[in-house]
Amino acid sequence: MDRRVRKTQTAIQTAFFQLLKKQDIERVKVSEICELADINRGTFYLNYLDKYDLLEKMIQQSIQELVTYCQTEAAETDNLLIKTFQFIVENQETYRMLIASDKQGLFTDYLKQHILTFTATNDQAQTTEAIFIANGIVGVLNHYLSSREASIESLYEIKPIIERFQLPSNLAKY
């Protein structure tokens, strides 16, 4: 990707993120994003269809960063789940904003899909367990990121629960 395009998209995403800190996505206007990013509306629409497309692209990018991190850490540790939670905690402002703005559940869907891809198996019983665990992990993450009262400890409570299940070997590594 061209460096100028990357720079423009970064400016747009930064402006959008700043606006989402102050107001709901429904109240954010493309004109506000453009003004804050110091671009014209035409430039915005060359990169995104609308603010919801921008949000979806930011969600995809954030999930991809998380997946890349997990793939890097998977080779180096048996505590992948803990490392993943640490990564999410370090980037919790971004993830909280994405969850709060994502009315369609794209973040949750993408994350579950990546967990299931990582744990893919041909055994139906193990697939059912992987679906169960993926939904549980995503549910606890959603609770942690959506609730100011939830603590980091709630994330770490998942690991012993997962260990109680007979899991596919690639999920047990978590």
Foldseek 3Di string as FASTA:
>chain_A
DDPVLVLLLVLLLVQLLVVLVPDAPVPDALVSSCVSSVHDSVSVVVPAVGVVRNLLVLLVVVLVVLLVVLVVCLVPALPSLVVSLVVCVVVLSSVLSSLRRPPPCSNLVVQLVSQLVQQPDPDPVQSVVSSVLSNVLSVQVSCCSPDPPDDSVSSVVSLVVNCVDPHRPRVVSD
